């Protein structure tokens, strides 16, 4: 079976991968010292759209915000998983 290929060059993919792993570990470490830390990060950084139907008129700004929000959720889930597994 062939591995799915990224659209990014391998060096950029590698940099993003290690940055994501490091950020997840740092978030987990901070959350171990402060029980409400991840919830506060999520509340502060999650995407909020004032439109009644936020996907009705998709544009680049919405696409970027949506992708950022999805990545925030993945990072926080990864940090929470790291905490549950004990580091």
PDB file of N, CA and C in Angstrom:
ATOM      1  N   UNK A   1       0.839  -1.173   0.000  1.00  0.00           N
ATOM      2  CA  UNK A   1       0.000   0.000   0.000  1.00  0.00           C
ATOM      3  C   UNK A   1       0.889   1.244   0.000  1.00  0.00           C
ATOM      4  N   UNK A   2       0.559   2.210  -0.823  1.00  0.00           N
ATOM      5  CA  UNK A   2       1.341   3.427  -0.941  1.00  0.00           C
ATOM      6  C   UNK A   2       0.909   4.443   0.120  1.00  0.00           C
ATOM      7  N   UNK A   3       1.906   5.076   0.756  1.00  0.00           N
ATOM      8  CA  UNK A   3       1.621   6.115   1.743  1.00  0.00           C
ATOM      9  C   UNK A   3       1.060   7.342   1.041  1.00  0.00           C
ATOM     10  N   UNK A   4       0.095   8.036   1.675  1.00  0.00           N
ATOM     11  CA  UNK A   4      -0.402   9.272   1.074  1.00  0.00           C
ATOM     12  C   UNK A   4       0.709  10.310   1.051  1.00  0.00           C
ATOM     13  N   UNK A   5       0.783  11.069  -0.013  1.00  0.00           N
ATOM     14  CA  UNK A   5       1.834  12.071  -0.162  1.00  0.00           C
ATOM     15  C   UNK A   5       1.313  13.436   0.232  1.00  0.00           C
ATOM     16  N   UNK A   6       2.176  14.189   0.880  1.00  0.00           N
ATOM     17  CA  UNK A   6       1.845  15.546   1.261  1.00  0.00           C
ATOM     18  C   UNK A   6       2.102  16.464   0.073  1.00  0.00           C
ATOM     19  N   UNK A   7       1.357  17.552   0.011  1.00  0.00           N
ATOM     20  CA  UNK A   7       1.582  18.551  -1.027  1.00  0.00           C
ATOM     21  C   UNK A   7       2.786  19.417  -0.688  1.00  0.00           C
ATOM     22  N   UNK A   8       3.272  19.310   0.553  1.00  0.00           N
ATOM     23  CA  UNK A   8       4.398  20.125   0.992  1.00  0.00           C
ATOM     24  C   UNK A   8       5.723  19.429   0.699  1.00  0.00           C
ATOM     25  N   UNK A   9       6.780  20.219   0.461  1.00  0.00           N
ATOM     26  CA  UNK A   9       8.109  19.610   0.332  1.00  0.00           C
ATOM     27  C   UNK A   9       8.489  18.925   1.646  1.00  0.00           C
ATOM     28  N   UNK A  10       9.271  17.844   1.596  1.00  0.00           N
ATOM     29  CA  UNK A  10       9.602  17.084   2.809  1.00  0.00           C
ATOM     30  C   UNK A  10      10.235  17.926   3.914  1.00  0.00           C
ATOM     31  N   UNK A  11      11.081  18.900   3.563  1.00  0.00           N
ATOM     32  CA  UNK A  11      11.718  19.695   4.612  1.00  0.00           C
ATOM     33  C   UNK A  11      10.697  20.549   5.357  1.00  0.00           C
ATOM     34  N   UNK A  12       9.755  21.117   4.653  1.00  0.00           N
ATOM     35  CA  UNK A  12       8.711  21.921   5.309  1.00  0.00           C
ATOM     36  C   UNK A  12       7.790  21.022   6.111  1.00  0.00           C
ATOM     37  N   UNK A  13       7.442  19.869   5.563  1.00  0.00           N
ATOM     38  CA  UNK A  13       6.600  18.909   6.286  1.00  0.00           C
ATOM     39  C   UNK A  13       7.278  18.482   7.589  1.00  0.00           C
ATOM     40  N   UNK A  14       8.585  18.236   7.529  1.00  0.00           N
ATOM     41  CA  UNK A  14       9.329  17.848   8.723  1.00  0.00           C
ATOM     42  C   UNK A  14       9.356  18.944   9.771  1.00  0.00           C
ATOM     43  N   UNK A  15       9.577  20.169   9.337  1.00  0.00           N
ATOM     44  CA  UNK A  15       9.596  21.302  10.271  1.00  0.00           C
ATOM     45  C   UNK A  15       8.238  21.462  10.940  1.00  0.00           C
ATOM     46  N   UNK A  16       7.169  21.416  10.160  1.00  0.00           N
ATOM     47  CA  UNK A  16       5.833  21.559  10.724  1.00  0.00           C
ATOM     48  C   UNK A  16       5.511  20.419  11.687  1.00  0.00           C
ATOM     49  N   UNK A  17       5.934  19.212  11.348  1.00  0.00           N
ATOM     50  CA  UNK A  17       5.673  18.058  12.200  1.00  0.00           C
ATOM     51  C   UNK A  17       6.346  18.207  13.558  1.00  0.00           C
ATOM     52  N   UNK A  18       7.638  18.590  13.567  1.00  0.00           N
ATOM     53  CA  UNK A  18       8.320  18.704  14.849  1.00  0.00           C
ATOM     54  C   UNK A  18       7.811  19.897  15.642  1.00  0.00           C
ATOM     55  N   UNK A  19       7.451  20.986  14.979  1.00  0.00           N
ATOM     56  CA  UNK A  19       6.875  22.130  15.689  1.00  0.00           C
ATOM     57  C   UNK A  19       5.562  21.734  16.351  1.00  0.00           C
ATOM     58  N   UNK A  20       4.761  20.970  15.644  1.00  0.00           N
ATOM     59  CA  UNK A  20       3.473  20.534  16.201  1.00  0.00           C
ATOM     60  C   UNK A  20       3.673  19.618  17.401  1.00  0.00           C
ATOM     61  N   UNK A  21       4.612  18.674  17.298  1.00  0.00           N
ATOM     62  CA  UNK A  21       4.887  17.772  18.420  1.00  0.00           C
ATOM     63  C   UNK A  21       5.410  18.546  19.628  1.00  0.00           C
ATOM     64  N   UNK A  22       6.307  19.486  19.380  1.00  0.00           N
ATOM     65  CA  UNK A  22       6.861  20.287  20.468  1.00  0.00           C
ATOM     66  C   UNK A  22       5.782  21.139  21.127  1.00  0.00           C
ATOM     67  N   UNK A  23       4.944  21.772  20.322  1.00  0.00           N
ATOM     68  CA  UNK A  23       3.875  22.602  20.866  1.00  0.00           C
ATOM     69  C   UNK A  23       2.894  21.768  21.689  1.00  0.00           C
ATOM     70  N   UNK A  24       2.573  20.592  21.210  1.00  0.00           N
ATOM     71  CA  UNK A  24       1.675  19.710  21.955  1.00  0.00           C
ATOM     72  C   UNK A  24       2.286  19.327  23.302  1.00  0.00           C
ATOM     73  N   UNK A  25       3.596  19.015  23.314  1.00  0.00           N
ATOM     74  CA  UNK A  25       4.266  18.660  24.567  1.00  0.00           C
ATOM     75  C   UNK A  25       4.298  19.850  25.525  1.00  0.00           C
ATOM     76  N   UNK A  26       4.549  21.042  25.003  1.00  0.00           N
ATOM     77  CA  UNK A  26       4.574  22.241  25.849  1.00  0.00           C
ATOM     78  C   UNK A  26       3.189  22.540  26.423  1.00  0.00           C
ATOM     79  N   UNK A  27       2.157  22.382  25.605  1.00  0.00           N
ATOM     80  CA  UNK A  27       0.793  22.591  26.095  1.00  0.00           C
ATOM     81  C   UNK A  27       0.467  21.600  27.203  1.00  0.00           C
ATOM     82  N   UNK A  28       0.842  20.341  27.003  1.00  0.00           N
ATOM     83  CA  UNK A  28       0.575  19.319  28.023  1.00  0.00           C
ATOM     84  C   UNK A  28       1.327  19.634  29.309  1.00  0.00           C
ATOM     85  N   UNK A  29       2.578  20.056  29.201  1.00  0.00           N
ATOM     86  CA  UNK A  29       3.365  20.384  30.388  1.00  0.00           C
ATOM     87  C   UNK A  29       2.754  21.559  31.145  1.00  0.00           C
ATOM     88  N   UNK A  30       2.325  22.579  30.421  1.00  0.00           N
ATOM     89  CA  UNK A  30       1.688  23.734  31.070  1.00  0.00           C
ATOM     90  C   UNK A  30       0.385  23.324  31.733  1.00  0.00           C
ATOM     91  N   UNK A  31      -0.368  22.450  31.077  1.00  0.00           N
ATOM     92  CA  UNK A  31      -1.657  22.021  31.625  1.00  0.00           C
ATOM     93  C   UNK A  31      -1.485  21.153  32.860  1.00  0.00           C
ATOM     94  N   UNK A  32      -0.384  20.436  32.961  1.00  0.00           N
ATOM     95  CA  UNK A  32      -0.137  19.621  34.158  1.00  0.00           C
ATOM     96  C   UNK A  32       0.081  20.505  35.380  1.00  0.00           C
ATOM     97  N   UNK A  33       0.553  21.721  35.170  1.00  0.00           N
ATOM     98  CA  UNK A  33       0.787  22.656  36.267  1.00  0.00           C
ATOM     99  C   UNK A  33      -0.435  23.521  36.565  1.00  0.00           C
ATOM    100  N   UNK A  34      -1.333  23.613  35.592  1.00  0.00           N
ATOM    101  CA  UNK A  34      -2.501  24.496  35.709  1.00  0.00           C
ATOM    102  C   UNK A  34      -3.691  23.791  35.054  1.00  0.00           C
ATOM    103  N   UNK A  35      -4.569  23.224  35.879  1.00  0.00           N
ATOM    104  CA  UNK A  35      -5.653  22.369  35.391  1.00  0.00           C
ATOM    105  C   UNK A  35      -6.559  23.039  34.355  1.00  0.00           C
ATOM    106  N   UNK A  36      -6.769  24.334  34.433  1.00  0.00           N
ATOM    107  CA  UNK A  36      -7.673  24.996  33.503  1.00  0.00           C
ATOM    108  C   UNK A  36      -6.996  25.602  32.289  1.00  0.00           C
ATOM    109  N   UNK A  37      -5.693  25.362  32.149  1.00  0.00           N
ATOM    110  CA  UNK A  37      -4.923  26.020  31.089  1.00  0.00           C
ATOM    111  C   UNK A  37      -5.453  25.730  29.690  1.00  0.00           C
ATOM    112  N   UNK A  38      -5.653  24.471  29.349  1.00  0.00           N
ATOM    113  CA  UNK A  38      -6.095  24.123  27.993  1.00  0.00           C
ATOM    114  C   UNK A  38      -7.482  24.678  27.691  1.00  0.00           C
ATOM    115  N   UNK A  39      -8.354  24.663  28.677  1.00  0.00           N
ATOM    116  CA  UNK A  39      -9.692  25.226  28.469  1.00  0.00           C
ATOM    117  C   UNK A  39      -9.619  26.721  28.197  1.00  0.00           C
ATOM    118  N   UNK A  40      -8.726  27.423  28.924  1.00  0.00           N
ATOM    119  CA  UNK A  40      -8.578  28.865  28.697  1.00  0.00           C
ATOM    120  C   UNK A  40      -7.977  29.162  27.328  1.00  0.00           C
ATOM    121  N   UNK A  41      -7.004  28.362  26.927  1.00  0.00           N
ATOM    122  CA  UNK A  41      -6.414  28.531  25.596  1.00  0.00           C
ATOM    123  C   UNK A  41      -7.492  28.335  24.533  1.00  0.00           C
ATOM    124  N   UNK A  42      -8.275  27.294  24.690  1.00  0.00           N
ATOM    125  CA  UNK A  42      -9.337  27.017  23.717  1.00  0.00           C
ATOM    126  C   UNK A  42     -10.350  28.157  23.670  1.00  0.00           C
ATOM    127  N   UNK A  43     -10.772  28.641  24.824  1.00  0.00           N
ATOM    128  CA  UNK A  43     -11.754  29.720  24.874  1.00  0.00           C
ATOM    129  C   UNK A  43     -11.209  31.005  24.259  1.00  0.00           C
ATOM    130  N   UNK A  44      -9.935  31.252  24.466  1.00  0.00           N
ATOM    131  CA  UNK A  44      -9.323  32.480  23.954  1.00  0.00           C
ATOM    132  C   UNK A  44      -9.082  32.435  22.449  1.00  0.00           C
ATOM    133  N   UNK A  45      -8.709  31.269  21.933  1.00  0.00           N
ATOM    134  CA  UNK A  45      -8.257  31.184  20.544  1.00  0.00           C
ATOM    135  C   UNK A  45      -9.254  30.578  19.567  1.00  0.00           C
ATOM    136  N   UNK A  46     -10.339  29.966  20.061  1.00  0.00           N
ATOM    137  CA  UNK A  46     -11.266  29.341  19.121  1.00  0.00           C
ATOM    138  C   UNK A  46     -11.915  30.395  18.226  1.00  0.00           C
ATOM    139  N   UNK A  47     -12.238  29.974  17.021  1.00  0.00           N
ATOM    140  CA  UNK A  47     -12.816  30.868  16.017  1.00  0.00           C
ATOM    141  C   UNK A  47     -14.262  31.177  16.349  1.00  0.00           C
ATOM    142  N   UNK A  48     -14.594  32.453  16.296  1.00  0.00           N
ATOM    143  CA  UNK A  48     -15.972  32.892  16.499  1.00  0.00           C
ATOM    144  C   UNK A  48     -16.395  33.724  15.291  1.00  0.00           C
ATOM    145  N   UNK A  49     -17.462  33.320  14.667  1.00  0.00           N
ATOM    146  CA  UNK A  49     -17.961  34.045  13.503  1.00  0.00           C
ATOM    147  C   UNK A  49     -19.276  34.704  13.873  1.00  0.00           C
ATOM    148  N   UNK A  50     -19.401  35.975  13.565  1.00  0.00           N
ATOM    149  CA  UNK A  50     -20.616  36.719  13.907  1.00  0.00           C
ATOM    150  C   UNK A  50     -21.738  36.508  12.897  1.00  0.00           C
ATOM    151  N   UNK A  51     -21.438  35.855  11.789  1.00  0.00           N
ATOM    152  CA  UNK A  51     -22.471  35.632  10.777  1.00  0.00           C
ATOM    153  C   UNK A  51     -23.485  34.593  11.263  1.00  0.00           C
ATOM    154  N   UNK A  52     -24.715  34.731  10.803  1.00  0.00           N
ATOM    155  CA  UNK A  52     -25.751  33.768  11.182  1.00  0.00           C
ATOM    156  C   UNK A  52     -25.456  32.388  10.609  1.00  0.00           C
ATOM    157  N   UNK A  53     -24.953  32.335   9.380  1.00  0.00           N
ATOM    158  CA  UNK A  53     -24.601  31.078   8.734  1.00  0.00           C
ATOM    159  C   UNK A  53     -23.160  31.204   8.255  1.00  0.00           C
ATOM    160  N   UNK A  54     -22.186  30.834   9.115  1.00  0.00           N
ATOM    161  CA  UNK A  54     -20.795  31.120   8.824  1.00  0.00           C
ATOM    162  C   UNK A  54     -20.233  30.469   7.572  1.00  0.00           C
ATOM    163  N   UNK A  55     -20.889  29.504   6.986  1.00  0.00           N
ATOM    164  CA  UNK A  55     -20.368  28.893   5.773  1.00  0.00           C
ATOM    165  C   UNK A  55     -21.132  29.296   4.528  1.00  0.00           C
ATOM    166  N   UNK A  56     -22.114  30.172   4.662  1.00  0.00           N
ATOM    167  CA  UNK A  56     -22.980  30.516   3.541  1.00  0.00           C
ATOM    168  C   UNK A  56     -22.218  31.191   2.411  1.00  0.00           C
ATOM    169  N   UNK A  57     -21.264  32.044   2.751  1.00  0.00           N
ATOM    170  CA  UNK A  57     -20.469  32.729   1.743  1.00  0.00           C
ATOM    171  C   UNK A  57     -18.994  32.464   2.016  1.00  0.00           C
ATOM    172  N   UNK A  58     -18.517  31.289   1.620  1.00  0.00           N
ATOM    173  CA  UNK A  58     -17.130  30.946   1.926  1.00  0.00           C
ATOM    174  C   UNK A  58     -16.156  31.891   1.225  1.00  0.00           C
ATOM    175  N   UNK A  59     -15.137  32.288   1.928  1.00  0.00           N
ATOM    176  CA  UNK A  59     -14.095  33.093   1.331  1.00  0.00           C
ATOM    177  C   UNK A  59     -12.768  32.673   1.937  1.00  0.00           C
ATOM    178  N   UNK A  60     -11.694  33.275   1.476  1.00  0.00           N
ATOM    179  CA  UNK A  60     -10.372  32.879   1.938  1.00  0.00           C
ATOM    180  C   UNK A  60     -10.208  33.103   3.434  1.00  0.00           C
ATOM    181  N   UNK A  61     -10.698  34.215   3.945  1.00  0.00           N
ATOM    182  CA  UNK A  61     -10.557  34.497   5.380  1.00  0.00           C
ATOM    183  C   UNK A  61     -11.256  33.420   6.207  1.00  0.00           C
ATOM    184  N   UNK A  62     -12.455  33.025   5.800  1.00  0.00           N
ATOM    185  CA  UNK A  62     -13.169  31.974   6.518  1.00  0.00           C
ATOM    186  C   UNK A  62     -12.408  30.658   6.432  1.00  0.00           C
ATOM    187  N   UNK A  63     -11.866  30.349   5.268  1.00  0.00           N
ATOM    188  CA  UNK A  63     -11.122  29.104   5.091  1.00  0.00           C
ATOM    189  C   UNK A  63      -9.894  29.068   5.999  1.00  0.00           C
ATOM    190  N   UNK A  64      -9.181  30.176   6.105  1.00  0.00           N
ATOM    191  CA  UNK A  64      -7.993  30.245   6.959  1.00  0.00           C
ATOM    192  C   UNK A  64      -8.391  30.102   8.419  1.00  0.00           C
ATOM    193  N   UNK A  65      -9.410  30.829   8.844  1.00  0.00           N
ATOM    194  CA  UNK A  65      -9.868  30.746  10.233  1.00  0.00           C
ATOM    195  C   UNK A  65     -10.365  29.345  10.569  1.00  0.00           C
ATOM    196  N   UNK A  66     -11.064  28.740   9.649  1.00  0.00           N
ATOM    197  CA  UNK A  66     -11.573  27.387   9.863  1.00  0.00           C
ATOM    198  C   UNK A  66     -10.426  26.391  10.005  1.00  0.00           C
ATOM    199  N   UNK A  67      -9.408  26.520   9.152  1.00  0.00           N
ATOM    200  CA  UNK A  67      -8.246  25.633   9.241  1.00  0.00           C
ATOM    201  C   UNK A  67      -7.491  25.859  10.548  1.00  0.00           C
ATOM    202  N   UNK A  68      -7.349  27.116  10.963  1.00  0.00           N
ATOM    203  CA  UNK A  68      -6.663  27.423  12.222  1.00  0.00           C
ATOM    204  C   UNK A  68      -7.425  26.842  13.403  1.00  0.00           C
ATOM    205  N   UNK A  69      -8.739  26.954  13.385  1.00  0.00           N
ATOM    206  CA  UNK A  69      -9.559  26.410  14.465  1.00  0.00           C
ATOM    207  C   UNK A  69      -9.449  24.891  14.526  1.00  0.00           C
ATOM    208  N   UNK A  70      -9.448  24.252  13.366  1.00  0.00           N
ATOM    209  CA  UNK A  70      -9.306  22.791  13.324  1.00  0.00           C
ATOM    210  C   UNK A  70      -7.945  22.369  13.876  1.00  0.00           C
ATOM    211  N   UNK A  71      -6.889  23.105  13.545  1.00  0.00           N
ATOM    212  CA  UNK A  71      -5.559  22.775  14.058  1.00  0.00           C
ATOM    213  C   UNK A  71      -5.479  23.005  15.560  1.00  0.00           C
ATOM    214  N   UNK A  72      -6.113  24.067  16.064  1.00  0.00           N
ATOM    215  CA  UNK A  72      -6.158  24.306  17.507  1.00  0.00           C
ATOM    216  C   UNK A  72      -6.804  23.114  18.204  1.00  0.00           C
ATOM    217  N   UNK A  73      -7.905  22.641  17.682  1.00  0.00           N
ATOM    218  CA  UNK A  73      -8.598  21.500  18.287  1.00  0.00           C
ATOM    219  C   UNK A  73      -7.715  20.253  18.259  1.00  0.00           C
ATOM    220  N   UNK A  74      -6.986  20.015  17.153  1.00  0.00           N
ATOM    221  CA  UNK A  74      -6.085  18.865  17.071  1.00  0.00           C
ATOM    222  C   UNK A  74      -4.945  18.990  18.092  1.00  0.00           C
ATOM    223  N   UNK A  75      -4.375  20.189  18.220  1.00  0.00           N
ATOM    224  CA  UNK A  75      -3.284  20.394  19.178  1.00  0.00           C
ATOM    225  C   UNK A  75      -3.750  20.181  20.613  1.00  0.00           C
ATOM    226  N   UNK A  76      -4.903  20.738  20.944  1.00  0.00           N
ATOM    227  CA  UNK A  76      -5.419  20.570  22.299  1.00  0.00           C
ATOM    228  C   UNK A  76      -5.759  19.112  22.584  1.00  0.00           C
ATOM    229  N   UNK A  77      -6.331  18.416  21.608  1.00  0.00           N
ATOM    230  CA  UNK A  77      -6.639  16.996  21.785  1.00  0.00           C
ATOM    231  C   UNK A  77      -5.347  16.201  21.970  1.00  0.00           C
ATOM    232  N   UNK A  78      -4.320  16.535  21.226  1.00  0.00           N
ATOM    233  CA  UNK A  78      -3.032  15.864  21.361  1.00  0.00           C
ATOM    234  C   UNK A  78      -2.429  16.119  22.741  1.00  0.00           C
ATOM    235  N   UNK A  79      -2.510  17.358  23.223  1.00  0.00           N
ATOM    236  CA  UNK A  79      -1.994  17.684  24.558  1.00  0.00           C
ATOM    237  C   UNK A  79      -2.773  16.928  25.631  1.00  0.00           C
ATOM    238  N   UNK A  80      -4.082  16.855  25.487  1.00  0.00           N
ATOM    239  CA  UNK A  80      -4.902  16.133  26.472  1.00  0.00           C
ATOM    240  C   UNK A  80      -4.578  14.634  26.449  1.00  0.00           C
ATOM    241  N   UNK A  81      -4.357  14.089  25.258  1.00  0.00           N
ATOM    242  CA  UNK A  81      -3.993  12.675  25.130  1.00  0.00           C
ATOM    243  C   UNK A  81      -2.629  12.427  25.791  1.00  0.00           C
ATOM    244  N   UNK A  82      -1.679  13.313  25.584  1.00  0.00           N
ATOM    245  CA  UNK A  82      -0.361  13.204  26.199  1.00  0.00           C
ATOM    246  C   UNK A  82      -0.481  13.198  27.719  1.00  0.00           C
ATOM    247  N   UNK A  83      -1.336  14.069  28.238  1.00  0.00           N
ATOM    248  CA  UNK A  83      -1.540  14.129  29.695  1.00  0.00           C
ATOM    249  C   UNK A  83      -2.129  12.822  30.211  1.00  0.00           C
ATOM    250  N   UNK A  84      -3.126  12.270  29.500  1.00  0.00           N
ATOM    251  CA  UNK A  84      -3.767  11.024  29.936  1.00  0.00           C
ATOM    252  C   UNK A  84      -2.783   9.865  29.939  1.00  0.00           C
ATOM    253  N   UNK A  85      -1.855   9.877  28.969  1.00  0.00           N
ATOM    254  CA  UNK A  85      -0.888   8.797  28.846  1.00  0.00           C
ATOM    255  C   UNK A  85       0.333   9.000  29.746  1.00  0.00           C
ATOM    256  N   UNK A  86       0.356  10.122  30.439  1.00  0.00           N
ATOM    257  CA  UNK A  86       1.443  10.370  31.376  1.00  0.00           C
ATOM    258  C   UNK A  86       2.720  10.867  30.737  1.00  0.00           C
ATOM    259  N   UNK A  87       2.574  11.649  29.658  1.00  0.00           N
ATOM    260  CA  UNK A  87       3.762  12.252  29.056  1.00  0.00           C
ATOM    261  C   UNK A  87       4.156  11.521  27.845  1.00  0.00           C
TER     262      UNK A  87
END
